[in-house]
Full PDB file with SEQRES, HELIX, SHEET, SSBOND, CRYST1, ORIGX, SCALE, CONECT and MASTER records, all heavy atoms in Angstrom:
SEQRES   1 A   37  ASP GLU GLU VAL SER ARG LEU ILE ASP ASP PRO HIS MET          
SEQRES   2 A   37  LEU ASN SER ARG VAL LEU MET ASP THR GLY LEU GLY GLU          
SEQRES   3 A   37  ILE ILE ARG ASN THR ASP ARG GLU HIS LEU PHE                  
HELIX    1 AA1 GLU A    2  ASP A    9  1                                   8    
HELIX    2 AA2 SER A   16  MET A   20  1                                   5    
HELIX    3 AA3 GLY A   23  ASN A   30  1                                   8    
HELIX    4 AA4 ARG A   33  LEU A   36  1                                   4    
CRYST1    1.000    1.000    1.000  90.00  90.00  90.00 P 1           1          
ORIGX1      1.000000  0.000000  0.000000        0.00000                         
ORIGX2      0.000000  1.000000  0.000000        0.00000                         
ORIGX3      0.000000  0.000000  1.000000        0.00000                         
SCALE1      1.000000  0.000000  0.000000        0.00000                         
SCALE2      0.000000  1.000000  0.000000        0.00000                         
SCALE3      0.000000  0.000000  1.000000        0.00000                         
ATOM      1  N   ASP A   1     -11.710   3.341   0.520  1.00  0.00           N  
ATOM      2  CA  ASP A   1     -12.432   2.808  -0.623  1.00  0.00           C  
ATOM      3  C   ASP A   1     -11.750   3.219  -1.909  1.00  0.00           C  
ATOM      4  O   ASP A   1     -11.621   2.418  -2.862  1.00  0.00           O  
ATOM      5  CB  ASP A   1     -13.865   3.361  -0.651  1.00  0.00           C  
ATOM      6  CG  ASP A   1     -14.653   3.042   0.616  1.00  0.00           C  
ATOM      7  OD1 ASP A   1     -14.083   3.217   1.715  1.00  0.00           O  
ATOM      8  OD2 ASP A   1     -15.810   2.681   0.499  1.00  0.00           O  
ATOM      9  N   GLU A   2     -11.308   4.477  -1.992  1.00  0.00           N  
ATOM     10  CA  GLU A   2     -10.687   4.981  -3.205  1.00  0.00           C  
ATOM     11  C   GLU A   2      -9.380   4.223  -3.503  1.00  0.00           C  
ATOM     12  O   GLU A   2      -9.089   3.934  -4.654  1.00  0.00           O  
ATOM     13  CB  GLU A   2     -10.394   6.474  -3.042  1.00  0.00           C  
ATOM     14  CG  GLU A   2     -11.668   7.309  -2.944  1.00  0.00           C  
ATOM     15  CD  GLU A   2     -11.369   8.762  -2.620  1.00  0.00           C  
ATOM     16  OE1 GLU A   2     -10.184   9.095  -2.360  1.00  0.00           O  
ATOM     17  OE2 GLU A   2     -12.292   9.580  -2.617  1.00  0.00           O  
ATOM     18  N   GLU A   3      -8.629   3.930  -2.448  1.00  0.00           N  
ATOM     19  CA  GLU A   3      -7.367   3.213  -2.651  1.00  0.00           C  
ATOM     20  C   GLU A   3      -7.608   1.786  -3.138  1.00  0.00           C  
ATOM     21  O   GLU A   3      -6.911   1.270  -4.001  1.00  0.00           O  
ATOM     22  CB  GLU A   3      -6.544   3.202  -1.382  1.00  0.00           C  
ATOM     23  CG  GLU A   3      -5.922   4.554  -1.061  1.00  0.00           C  
ATOM     24  CD  GLU A   3      -5.286   4.591   0.316  1.00  0.00           C  
ATOM     25  OE1 GLU A   3      -5.798   3.934   1.240  1.00  0.00           O  
ATOM     26  OE2 GLU A   3      -4.260   5.304   0.466  1.00  0.00           O  
ATOM     27  N   VAL A   4      -8.643   1.139  -2.582  1.00  0.00           N  
ATOM     28  CA  VAL A   4      -8.995  -0.200  -3.022  1.00  0.00           C  
ATOM     29  C   VAL A   4      -9.332  -0.181  -4.514  1.00  0.00           C  
ATOM     30  O   VAL A   4      -8.848  -0.998  -5.302  1.00  0.00           O  
ATOM     31  CB  VAL A   4     -10.184  -0.765  -2.232  1.00  0.00           C  
ATOM     32  CG1 VAL A   4     -10.694  -2.056  -2.859  1.00  0.00           C  
ATOM     33  CG2 VAL A   4      -9.753  -1.061  -0.781  1.00  0.00           C  
ATOM     34  N   SER A   5     -10.133   0.748  -4.936  1.00  0.00           N  
ATOM     35  CA  SER A   5     -10.514   0.865  -6.349  1.00  0.00           C  
ATOM     36  C   SER A   5      -9.317   1.100  -7.225  1.00  0.00           C  
ATOM     37  O   SER A   5      -9.188   0.513  -8.317  1.00  0.00           O  
ATOM     38  CB  SER A   5     -11.542   1.994  -6.536  1.00  0.00           C  
ATOM     39  OG  SER A   5     -12.732   1.737  -5.795  1.00  0.00           O  
ATOM     40  N   ARG A   6      -8.397   1.953  -6.760  1.00  0.00           N  
ATOM     41  CA  ARG A   6      -7.200   2.243  -7.572  1.00  0.00           C  
ATOM     42  C   ARG A   6      -6.284   1.017  -7.689  1.00  0.00           C  
ATOM     43  O   ARG A   6      -5.743   0.738  -8.733  1.00  0.00           O  
ATOM     44  CB  ARG A   6      -6.452   3.423  -6.922  1.00  0.00           C  
ATOM     45  CG  ARG A   6      -5.384   3.989  -7.820  1.00  0.00           C  
ATOM     46  CD  ARG A   6      -4.917   5.376  -7.352  1.00  0.00           C  
ATOM     47  NE  ARG A   6      -4.102   5.275  -6.143  1.00  0.00           N  
ATOM     48  CZ  ARG A   6      -4.496   5.788  -4.981  1.00  0.00           C  
ATOM     49  NH1 ARG A   6      -5.659   6.386  -4.859  1.00  0.00           N  
ATOM     50  NH2 ARG A   6      -3.701   5.712  -3.918  1.00  0.00           N  
ATOM     51  N   LEU A   7      -6.147   0.280  -6.619  1.00  0.00           N  
ATOM     52  CA  LEU A   7      -5.322  -0.937  -6.631  1.00  0.00           C  
ATOM     53  C   LEU A   7      -5.898  -1.979  -7.547  1.00  0.00           C  
ATOM     54  O   LEU A   7      -5.161  -2.638  -8.286  1.00  0.00           O  
ATOM     55  CB  LEU A   7      -5.153  -1.500  -5.216  1.00  0.00           C  
ATOM     56  CG  LEU A   7      -4.281  -0.680  -4.246  1.00  0.00           C  
ATOM     57  CD1 LEU A   7      -4.375  -1.253  -2.845  1.00  0.00           C  
ATOM     58  CD2 LEU A   7      -2.824  -0.699  -4.698  1.00  0.00           C  
ATOM     59  N   ILE A   8      -7.199  -2.137  -7.542  1.00  0.00           N  
ATOM     60  CA  ILE A   8      -7.852  -3.130  -8.386  1.00  0.00           C  
ATOM     61  C   ILE A   8      -7.761  -2.750  -9.842  1.00  0.00           C  
ATOM     62  O   ILE A   8      -7.610  -3.598 -10.747  1.00  0.00           O  
ATOM     63  CB  ILE A   8      -9.342  -3.317  -7.955  1.00  0.00           C  
ATOM     64  CG1 ILE A   8      -9.406  -3.977  -6.591  1.00  0.00           C  
ATOM     65  CG2 ILE A   8     -10.083  -4.132  -8.980  1.00  0.00           C  
ATOM     66  CD1 ILE A   8      -8.808  -5.349  -6.483  1.00  0.00           C  
ATOM     67  N   ASP A   9      -7.828  -1.440 -10.131  1.00  0.00           N  
ATOM     68  CA  ASP A   9      -7.840  -0.982 -11.512  1.00  0.00           C  
ATOM     69  C   ASP A   9      -6.456  -0.697 -12.073  1.00  0.00           C  
ATOM     70  O   ASP A   9      -6.332  -0.350 -13.253  1.00  0.00           O  
ATOM     71  CB  ASP A   9      -8.670   0.309 -11.609  1.00  0.00           C  
ATOM     72  CG  ASP A   9     -10.166   0.039 -11.358  1.00  0.00           C  
ATOM     73  OD1 ASP A   9     -10.585  -1.106 -11.489  1.00  0.00           O  
ATOM     74  OD2 ASP A   9     -10.865   1.010 -11.008  1.00  0.00           O  
ATOM     75  N   ASP A  10      -5.402  -0.828 -11.240  1.00  0.00           N  
ATOM     76  CA  ASP A  10      -4.049  -0.456 -11.730  1.00  0.00           C  
ATOM     77  C   ASP A  10      -3.650  -1.373 -12.900  1.00  0.00           C  
ATOM     78  O   ASP A  10      -3.712  -2.597 -12.799  1.00  0.00           O  
ATOM     79  CB  ASP A  10      -3.045  -0.652 -10.573  1.00  0.00           C  
ATOM     80  CG  ASP A  10      -1.702  -0.030 -10.926  1.00  0.00           C  
ATOM     81  OD1 ASP A  10      -0.932  -0.613 -11.714  1.00  0.00           O  
ATOM     82  OD2 ASP A  10      -1.388   1.054 -10.374  1.00  0.00           O  
ATOM     83  N   PRO A  11      -3.231  -0.745 -13.995  1.00  0.00           N  
ATOM     84  CA  PRO A  11      -2.888  -1.570 -15.181  1.00  0.00           C  
ATOM     85  C   PRO A  11      -1.660  -2.460 -15.008  1.00  0.00           C  
ATOM     86  O   PRO A  11      -1.460  -3.431 -15.734  1.00  0.00           O  
ATOM     87  CB  PRO A  11      -2.623  -0.506 -16.258  1.00  0.00           C  
ATOM     88  CG  PRO A  11      -2.242   0.723 -15.501  1.00  0.00           C  
ATOM     89  CD  PRO A  11      -3.058   0.664 -14.252  1.00  0.00           C  
ATOM     90  N   HIS A  12      -0.812  -2.130 -14.001  1.00  0.00           N  
ATOM     91  CA  HIS A  12       0.386  -2.950 -13.753  1.00  0.00           C  
ATOM     92  C   HIS A  12       0.107  -4.116 -12.796  1.00  0.00           C  
ATOM     93  O   HIS A  12       1.045  -4.823 -12.439  1.00  0.00           O  
ATOM     94  CB  HIS A  12       1.495  -2.090 -13.185  1.00  0.00           C  
ATOM     95  CG  HIS A  12       1.874  -0.946 -14.095  1.00  0.00           C  
ATOM     96  ND1 HIS A  12       1.457   0.341 -13.926  1.00  0.00           N  
ATOM     97  CD2 HIS A  12       2.652  -0.942 -15.222  1.00  0.00           C  
ATOM     98  CE1 HIS A  12       1.940   1.114 -14.882  1.00  0.00           C  
ATOM     99  NE2 HIS A  12       2.654   0.335 -15.692  1.00  0.00           N  
ATOM    100  N   MET A  13      -1.117  -4.260 -12.378  1.00  0.00           N  
ATOM    101  CA  MET A  13      -1.501  -5.298 -11.422  1.00  0.00           C  
ATOM    102  C   MET A  13      -0.856  -5.005 -10.100  1.00  0.00           C  
ATOM    103  O   MET A  13      -0.070  -4.080  -9.913  1.00  0.00           O  
ATOM    104  CB  MET A  13      -1.133  -6.677 -11.944  1.00  0.00           C  
ATOM    105  CG  MET A  13      -1.780  -7.031 -13.280  1.00  0.00           C  
ATOM    106  SD  MET A  13      -1.391  -8.721 -13.847  1.00  0.00           S  
ATOM    107  CE  MET A  13      -2.249  -9.698 -12.632  1.00  0.00           C  
ATOM    108  N   LEU A  14      -1.218  -5.789  -9.096  1.00  0.00           N  
ATOM    109  CA  LEU A  14      -0.731  -5.512  -7.757  1.00  0.00           C  
ATOM    110  C   LEU A  14       0.758  -5.821  -7.631  1.00  0.00           C  
ATOM    111  O   LEU A  14       1.232  -6.853  -8.035  1.00  0.00           O  
ATOM    112  CB  LEU A  14      -1.511  -6.390  -6.759  1.00  0.00           C  
ATOM    113  CG  LEU A  14      -2.891  -5.889  -6.318  1.00  0.00           C  
ATOM    114  CD1 LEU A  14      -3.607  -6.965  -5.511  1.00  0.00           C  
ATOM    115  CD2 LEU A  14      -2.738  -4.623  -5.501  1.00  0.00           C  
ATOM    116  N   ASN A  15       1.473  -4.846  -7.016  1.00  0.00           N  
ATOM    117  CA  ASN A  15       2.868  -5.078  -6.683  1.00  0.00           C  
ATOM    118  C   ASN A  15       3.203  -4.171  -5.513  1.00  0.00           C  
ATOM    119  O   ASN A  15       2.410  -3.296  -5.130  1.00  0.00           O  
ATOM    120  CB  ASN A  15       3.777  -4.800  -7.880  1.00  0.00           C  
ATOM    121  CG  ASN A  15       3.659  -3.369  -8.384  1.00  0.00           C  
ATOM    122  OD1 ASN A  15       4.074  -2.463  -7.719  1.00  0.00           O  
ATOM    123  ND2 ASN A  15       3.138  -3.220  -9.609  1.00  0.00           N  
ATOM    124  N   SER A  16       4.360  -4.353  -4.943  1.00  0.00           N  
ATOM    125  CA  SER A  16       4.717  -3.599  -3.728  1.00  0.00           C  
ATOM    126  C   SER A  16       4.827  -2.105  -4.013  1.00  0.00           C  
ATOM    127  O   SER A  16       4.562  -1.277  -3.097  1.00  0.00           O  
ATOM    128  CB  SER A  16       6.045  -4.135  -3.145  1.00  0.00           C  
ATOM    129  OG  SER A  16       7.072  -3.975  -4.094  1.00  0.00           O  
ATOM    130  N   ARG A  17       5.179  -1.710  -5.211  1.00  0.00           N  
ATOM    131  CA  ARG A  17       5.336  -0.304  -5.528  1.00  0.00           C  
ATOM    132  C   ARG A  17       3.976   0.422  -5.470  1.00  0.00           C  
ATOM    133  O   ARG A  17       3.843   1.463  -4.819  1.00  0.00           O  
ATOM    134  CB  ARG A  17       5.927  -0.122  -6.920  1.00  0.00           C  
ATOM    135  CG  ARG A  17       6.116   1.318  -7.405  1.00  0.00           C  
ATOM    136  CD  ARG A  17       7.220   2.018  -6.644  1.00  0.00           C  
ATOM    137  NE  ARG A  17       6.694   2.689  -5.450  1.00  0.00           N  
ATOM    138  CZ  ARG A  17       7.484   3.090  -4.459  1.00  0.00           C  
ATOM    139  NH1 ARG A  17       8.763   2.870  -4.488  1.00  0.00           N  
ATOM    140  NH2 ARG A  17       6.991   3.692  -3.432  1.00  0.00           N  
ATOM    141  N   VAL A  18       2.967  -0.166  -6.134  1.00  0.00           N  
ATOM    142  CA  VAL A  18       1.672   0.490  -6.093  1.00  0.00           C  
ATOM    143  C   VAL A  18       1.036   0.469  -4.722  1.00  0.00           C  
ATOM    144  O   VAL A  18       0.334   1.397  -4.306  1.00  0.00           O  
ATOM    145  CB  VAL A  18       0.709  -0.118  -7.121  1.00  0.00           C  
ATOM    146  CG1 VAL A  18       1.196   0.054  -8.536  1.00  0.00           C  
ATOM    147  CG2 VAL A  18       0.442  -1.589  -6.852  1.00  0.00           C  
ATOM    148  N   LEU A  19       1.332  -0.595  -3.930  1.00  0.00           N  
ATOM    149  CA  LEU A  19       0.842  -0.622  -2.564  1.00  0.00           C  
ATOM    150  C   LEU A  19       1.492   0.415  -1.696  1.00  0.00           C  
ATOM    151  O   LEU A  19       0.820   1.123  -0.914  1.00  0.00           O  
ATOM    152  CB  LEU A  19       1.092  -2.032  -1.968  1.00  0.00           C  
ATOM    153  CG  LEU A  19       0.508  -2.236  -0.594  1.00  0.00           C  
ATOM    154  CD1 LEU A  19      -0.996  -2.299  -0.621  1.00  0.00           C  
ATOM    155  CD2 LEU A  19       1.049  -3.560   0.029  1.00  0.00           C  
ATOM    156  N   MET A  20       2.784   0.620  -1.863  1.00  0.00           N  
ATOM    157  CA  MET A  20       3.514   1.580  -1.039  1.00  0.00           C  
ATOM    158  C   MET A  20       3.173   3.015  -1.458  1.00  0.00           C  
ATOM    159  O   MET A  20       3.484   3.974  -0.721  1.00  0.00           O  
ATOM    160  CB  MET A  20       5.013   1.351  -1.143  1.00  0.00           C  
ATOM    161  CG  MET A  20       5.473   0.043  -0.536  1.00  0.00           C  
ATOM    162  SD  MET A  20       5.105  -0.117   1.230  1.00  0.00           S  
ATOM    163  CE  MET A  20       6.430   0.920   1.936  1.00  0.00           C  
ATOM    164  N   ASP A  21       2.562   3.204  -2.616  1.00  0.00           N  
ATOM    165  CA  ASP A  21       2.110   4.532  -3.043  1.00  0.00           C  
ATOM    166  C   ASP A  21       0.788   4.950  -2.442  1.00  0.00           C  
ATOM    167  O   ASP A  21       0.317   6.067  -2.653  1.00  0.00           O  
ATOM    168  CB  ASP A  21       2.040   4.593  -4.571  1.00  0.00           C  
ATOM    169  CG  ASP A  21       3.418   4.766  -5.208  1.00  0.00           C  
ATOM    170  OD1 ASP A  21       4.368   5.110  -4.493  1.00  0.00           O  
ATOM    171  OD2 ASP A  21       3.524   4.446  -6.416  1.00  0.00           O  
ATOM    172  N   THR A  22       0.178   4.058  -1.683  1.00  0.00           N  
ATOM    173  CA  THR A  22      -1.056   4.404  -0.950  1.00  0.00           C  
ATOM    174  C   THR A  22      -0.689   4.981   0.442  1.00  0.00           C  
ATOM    175  O   THR A  22       0.468   4.973   0.823  1.00  0.00           O  
ATOM    176  CB  THR A  22      -1.962   3.170  -0.776  1.00  0.00           C  
ATOM    177  OG1 THR A  22      -1.269   2.234   0.120  1.00  0.00           O  
ATOM    178  CG2 THR A  22      -2.256   2.503  -2.102  1.00  0.00           C  
ATOM    179  N   GLY A  23      -1.694   5.422   1.153  1.00  0.00           N  
ATOM    180  CA  GLY A  23      -1.452   5.878   2.531  1.00  0.00           C  
ATOM    181  C   GLY A  23      -0.894   4.785   3.396  1.00  0.00           C  
ATOM    182  O   GLY A  23      -0.173   5.051   4.368  1.00  0.00           O  
ATOM    183  N   LEU A  24      -1.195   3.578   3.053  1.00  0.00           N  
ATOM    184  CA  LEU A  24      -0.697   2.422   3.804  1.00  0.00           C  
ATOM    185  C   LEU A  24       0.823   2.364   3.760  1.00  0.00           C  
ATOM    186  O   LEU A  24       1.477   1.951   4.740  1.00  0.00           O  
ATOM    187  CB  LEU A  24      -1.285   1.143   3.223  1.00  0.00           C  
ATOM    188  CG  LEU A  24      -1.035  -0.180   3.950  1.00  0.00           C  
ATOM    189  CD1 LEU A  24      -1.546  -0.103   5.362  1.00  0.00           C  
ATOM    190  CD2 LEU A  24      -1.711  -1.332   3.202  1.00  0.00           C  
ATOM    191  N   GLY A  25       1.417   2.802   2.631  1.00  0.00           N  
ATOM    192  CA  GLY A  25       2.864   2.789   2.512  1.00  0.00           C  
ATOM    193  C   GLY A  25       3.535   3.648   3.570  1.00  0.00           C  
ATOM    194  O   GLY A  25       4.603   3.264   4.108  1.00  0.00           O  
ATOM    195  N   GLU A  26       2.965   4.794   3.844  1.00  0.00           N  
ATOM    196  CA  GLU A  26       3.554   5.679   4.873  1.00  0.00           C  
ATOM    197  C   GLU A  26       3.575   5.015   6.268  1.00  0.00           C  
ATOM    198  O   GLU A  26       4.540   5.130   7.010  1.00  0.00           O  
ATOM    199  CB  GLU A  26       2.767   6.998   4.932  1.00  0.00           C  
ATOM    200  CG  GLU A  26       3.332   7.968   5.974  1.00  0.00           C  
ATOM    201  CD  GLU A  26       2.531   9.282   6.023  1.00  0.00           C  
ATOM    202  OE1 GLU A  26       1.836   9.583   5.051  1.00  0.00           O  
ATOM    203  OE2 GLU A  26       2.635   9.968   7.049  1.00  0.00           O  
ATOM    204  N   ILE A  27       2.507   4.301   6.581  1.00  0.00           N  
ATOM    205  CA  ILE A  27       2.432   3.593   7.847  1.00  0.00           C  
ATOM    206  C   ILE A  27       3.446   2.479   7.893  1.00  0.00           C  
ATOM    207  O   ILE A  27       4.138   2.259   8.919  1.00  0.00           O  
ATOM    208  CB  ILE A  27       1.010   3.071   8.090  1.00  0.00           C  
ATOM    209  CG1 ILE A  27       0.048   4.266   8.234  1.00  0.00           C  
ATOM    210  CG2 ILE A  27       0.951   2.180   9.302  1.00  0.00           C  
ATOM    211  CD1 ILE A  27      -1.422   3.875   8.256  1.00  0.00           C  
ATOM    212  N   ILE A  28       3.593   1.741   6.800  1.00  0.00           N  
ATOM    213  CA  ILE A  28       4.553   0.622   6.746  1.00  0.00           C  
ATOM    214  C   ILE A  28       5.989   1.143   6.911  1.00  0.00           C  
ATOM    215  O   ILE A  28       6.810   0.603   7.654  1.00  0.00           O  
ATOM    216  CB  ILE A  28       4.404  -0.168   5.441  1.00  0.00           C  
ATOM    217  CG1 ILE A  28       3.052  -0.886   5.418  1.00  0.00           C  
ATOM    218  CG2 ILE A  28       5.552  -1.165   5.253  1.00  0.00           C  
ATOM    219  CD1 ILE A  28       2.686  -1.521   4.080  1.00  0.00           C  
ATOM    220  N   ARG A  29       6.294   2.244   6.194  1.00  0.00           N  
ATOM    221  CA  ARG A  29       7.673   2.790   6.237  1.00  0.00           C  
ATOM    222  C   ARG A  29       8.018   3.327   7.627  1.00  0.00           C  
ATOM    223  O   ARG A  29       9.177   3.184   8.073  1.00  0.00           O  
ATOM    224  CB  ARG A  29       7.814   3.953   5.238  1.00  0.00           C  
ATOM    225  CG  ARG A  29       7.827   3.537   3.794  1.00  0.00           C  
ATOM    226  CD  ARG A  29       8.147   4.736   2.905  1.00  0.00           C  
ATOM    227  NE  ARG A  29       7.666   4.537   1.553  1.00  0.00           N  
ATOM    228  CZ  ARG A  29       6.522   4.994   1.082  1.00  0.00           C  
ATOM    229  NH1 ARG A  29       5.699   5.698   1.881  1.00  0.00           N  
ATOM    230  NH2 ARG A  29       6.145   4.757  -0.160  1.00  0.00           N  
ATOM    231  N   ASN A  30       7.090   3.956   8.264  1.00  0.00           N  
ATOM    232  CA  ASN A  30       7.405   4.731   9.502  1.00  0.00           C  
ATOM    233  C   ASN A  30       7.090   4.048  10.804  1.00  0.00           C  
ATOM    234  O   ASN A  30       7.269   4.616  11.857  1.00  0.00           O  
ATOM    235  CB  ASN A  30       6.657   6.072   9.441  1.00  0.00           C  
ATOM    236  CG  ASN A  30       7.102   6.941   8.293  1.00  0.00           C  
ATOM    237  OD1 ASN A  30       8.288   6.926   7.941  1.00  0.00           O  
ATOM    238  ND2 ASN A  30       6.201   7.687   7.691  1.00  0.00           N  
ATOM    239  N   THR A  31       6.601   2.804  10.735  1.00  0.00           N  
ATOM    240  CA  THR A  31       6.266   2.067  11.952  1.00  0.00           C  
ATOM    241  C   THR A  31       7.092   0.811  12.030  1.00  0.00           C  
ATOM    242  O   THR A  31       7.233   0.098  11.050  1.00  0.00           O  
ATOM    243  CB  THR A  31       4.766   1.716  11.981  1.00  0.00           C  
ATOM    244  OG1 THR A  31       3.969   2.857  11.663  1.00  0.00           O  
ATOM    245  CG2 THR A  31       4.359   1.193  13.373  1.00  0.00           C  
ATOM    246  N   ASP A  32       7.634   0.578  13.213  1.00  0.00           N  
ATOM    247  CA  ASP A  32       8.457  -0.642  13.401  1.00  0.00           C  
ATOM    248  C   ASP A  32       7.664  -1.879  13.013  1.00  0.00           C  
ATOM    249  O   ASP A  32       6.527  -2.074  13.412  1.00  0.00           O  
ATOM    250  CB  ASP A  32       8.878  -0.728  14.905  1.00  0.00           C  
ATOM    251  CG  ASP A  32       9.731  -1.943  15.169  1.00  0.00           C  
ATOM    252  OD1 ASP A  32      10.928  -1.917  14.849  1.00  0.00           O  
ATOM    253  OD2 ASP A  32       9.162  -2.910  15.724  1.00  0.00           O  
ATOM    254  N   ARG A  33       8.329  -2.747  12.200  1.00  0.00           N  
ATOM    255  CA  ARG A  33       7.627  -3.928  11.710  1.00  0.00           C  
ATOM    256  C   ARG A  33       7.153  -4.859  12.812  1.00  0.00           C  
ATOM    257  O   ARG A  33       6.035  -5.396  12.774  1.00  0.00           O  
ATOM    258  CB  ARG A  33       8.568  -4.693  10.755  1.00  0.00           C  
ATOM    259  CG  ARG A  33       7.919  -5.881  10.065  1.00  0.00           C  
ATOM    260  CD  ARG A  33       8.867  -6.520   9.075  1.00  0.00           C  
ATOM    261  NE  ARG A  33       8.185  -7.581   8.297  1.00  0.00           N  
ATOM    262  CZ  ARG A  33       8.033  -8.836   8.747  1.00  0.00           C  
ATOM    263  NH1 ARG A  33       8.479  -9.168   9.957  1.00  0.00           N  
ATOM    264  NH2 ARG A  33       7.405  -9.714   7.992  1.00  0.00           N  
ATOM    265  N   GLU A  34       7.974  -5.033  13.818  1.00  0.00           N  
ATOM    266  CA  GLU A  34       7.578  -5.897  14.943  1.00  0.00           C  
ATOM    267  C   GLU A  34       6.338  -5.351  15.637  1.00  0.00           C  
ATOM    268  O   GLU A  34       5.477  -6.091  16.081  1.00  0.00           O  
ATOM    269  CB  GLU A  34       8.727  -6.069  15.945  1.00  0.00           C  
ATOM    270  CG  GLU A  34       9.853  -6.939  15.424  1.00  0.00           C  
ATOM    271  CD  GLU A  34      10.886  -7.219  16.488  1.00  0.00           C  
ATOM    272  OE1 GLU A  34      10.629  -6.908  17.686  1.00  0.00           O  
ATOM    273  OE2 GLU A  34      11.996  -7.741  16.153  1.00  0.00           O  
ATOM    274  N   HIS A  35       6.311  -4.030  15.732  1.00  0.00           N  
ATOM    275  CA  HIS A  35       5.159  -3.377  16.391  1.00  0.00           C  
ATOM    276  C   HIS A  35       3.897  -3.635  15.537  1.00  0.00           C  
ATOM    277  O   HIS A  35       2.840  -3.990  16.114  1.00  0.00           O  
ATOM    278  CB  HIS A  35       5.386  -1.897  16.498  1.00  0.00           C  
ATOM    279  CG  HIS A  35       4.211  -1.119  17.071  1.00  0.00           C  
ATOM    280  ND1 HIS A  35       3.963  -1.087  18.418  1.00  0.00           N  
ATOM    281  CD2 HIS A  35       3.202  -0.415  16.461  1.00  0.00           C  
ATOM    282  CE1 HIS A  35       2.867  -0.352  18.656  1.00  0.00           C  
ATOM    283  NE2 HIS A  35       2.400   0.038  17.465  1.00  0.00           N  
ATOM    284  N   LEU A  36       3.973  -3.503  14.223  1.00  0.00           N  
ATOM    285  CA  LEU A  36       2.825  -3.707  13.383  1.00  0.00           C  
ATOM    286  C   LEU A  36       2.293  -5.107  13.498  1.00  0.00           C  
ATOM    287  O   LEU A  36       1.067  -5.347  13.564  1.00  0.00           O  
ATOM    288  CB  LEU A  36       3.161  -3.428  11.910  1.00  0.00           C  
ATOM    289  CG  LEU A  36       3.351  -1.961  11.460  1.00  0.00           C  
ATOM    290  CD1 LEU A  36       3.825  -1.883  10.046  1.00  0.00           C  
ATOM    291  CD2 LEU A  36       2.022  -1.206  11.648  1.00  0.00           C  
ATOM    292  N   PHE A  37       3.195  -6.116  13.529  1.00  0.00           N  
ATOM    293  CA  PHE A  37       2.744  -7.498  13.592  1.00  0.00           C  
ATOM    294  C   PHE A  37       2.300  -7.915  15.011  1.00  0.00           C  
ATOM    295  O   PHE A  37       1.710  -8.966  15.188  1.00  0.00           O  
ATOM    296  CB  PHE A  37       3.855  -8.428  13.076  1.00  0.00           C  
ATOM    297  CG  PHE A  37       3.843  -8.544  11.579  1.00  0.00           C  
ATOM    298  CD1 PHE A  37       4.493  -7.597  10.801  1.00  0.00           C  
ATOM    299  CD2 PHE A  37       3.174  -9.578  10.934  1.00  0.00           C  
ATOM    300  CE1 PHE A  37       4.483  -7.709   9.408  1.00  0.00           C  
ATOM    301  CE2 PHE A  37       3.149  -9.665   9.561  1.00  0.00           C  
ATOM    302  CZ  PHE A  37       3.813  -8.737   8.806  1.00  0.00           C  
TER     303      PHE A  37                                                      
MASTER        0    0    0    4    0    0    0    6  302    1    0    3          
END                                                                             
């Protein structure tokens, strides 16, 4: 919930950098893309 609020309120609007700065970014970086999909 906290990350959703932060993403919505980010003054730079949504972009890959702010998304990758969430806990989700760690999962994206460290998990094989084919596996995720």
